[in-house]
């Protein structure tokens, strides 16, 4: 898999898990959902995402 596919998979996983946790544990988990969404939004404009940097350092191949 490539960096972009991992990024989409990880972001989707974080969003789904945090929404589930907000229903069963605490509504405050929605702040994490918003953080992930805002991070994706800003990366569209700045072309920089912290998770991509981490994945590159872990040796995941580029798309």
Protein backbone atom coordinates (compact mmCIF):
# COMPACT_ATOMS: atom_id res chain seq x y z
CA UNK A 1 0.00 0.00 0.00
CA UNK A 2 1.04 3.58 -0.56
CA UNK A 3 1.27 6.55 1.80
CA UNK A 4 -2.02 8.03 0.53
CA UNK A 5 -3.93 4.78 0.98
CA UNK A 6 -2.56 4.34 4.51
CA UNK A 7 -3.48 7.94 5.30
CA UNK A 8 -7.08 7.48 4.19
CA UNK A 9 -7.33 4.18 6.07
CA UNK A 10 -5.92 5.61 9.31
CA UNK A 11 -8.05 8.77 9.15
CA UNK A 12 -11.20 6.75 8.48
CA UNK A 13 -10.37 4.38 11.33
CA UNK A 14 -9.77 7.25 13.78
CA UNK A 15 -13.03 8.93 12.80
CA UNK A 16 -15.13 5.77 13.10
CA UNK A 17 -13.57 4.79 16.45
CA UNK A 18 -13.96 8.27 17.93
CA UNK A 19 -17.61 8.48 16.85
CA UNK A 20 -18.29 5.08 18.43
CA UNK A 21 -16.49 6.15 21.61
CA UNK A 22 -18.54 9.35 21.70
CA UNK A 23 -21.71 7.26 21.76
CA UNK A 24 -20.61 4.77 24.41
CA UNK A 25 -18.05 6.61 26.54
CA UNK A 26 -17.99 10.40 26.32
CA UNK A 27 -19.22 13.03 23.89
CA UNK A 28 -15.80 14.68 24.21
CA UNK A 29 -14.42 12.13 21.73
CA UNK A 30 -16.04 14.25 19.02
CA UNK A 31 -13.23 16.76 19.57
CA UNK A 32 -10.82 14.12 18.29
CA UNK A 33 -13.07 13.56 15.27
CA UNK A 34 -12.98 17.30 14.58
CA UNK A 35 -9.18 17.34 14.99
CA UNK A 36 -8.76 14.61 12.37
CA UNK A 37 -11.16 16.37 9.98
CA UNK A 38 -9.49 19.75 10.41
CA UNK A 39 -6.08 18.19 9.90
CA UNK A 40 -7.24 16.66 6.62
CA UNK A 41 -8.75 19.99 5.61
CA UNK A 42 -5.59 21.99 6.29
CA UNK A 43 -3.44 19.42 4.49
CA UNK A 44 -5.42 20.10 1.31
CA UNK A 45 -4.14 23.69 1.37
CA UNK A 46 -0.67 23.30 2.87
CA UNK A 47 0.25 19.93 1.30
CA UNK A 48 1.58 18.83 4.71
CA UNK A 49 0.11 16.23 7.03
CA UNK A 50 1.80 14.93 10.20
CA UNK A 51 0.66 11.36 9.55
CA UNK A 52 2.25 11.37 6.08
CA UNK A 53 5.52 12.48 7.66
CA UNK A 54 5.30 9.61 10.15
CA UNK A 55 4.45 7.06 7.45
CA UNK A 56 7.37 8.21 5.28
CA UNK A 57 9.76 7.81 8.22
CA UNK A 58 8.39 4.30 8.72
CA UNK A 59 9.37 3.50 5.14
CA UNK A 60 5.96 3.33 3.47
CA UNK A 61 6.35 3.74 -0.28
CA UNK A 62 5.06 6.76 -2.16
CA UNK A 63 2.12 6.57 -4.54
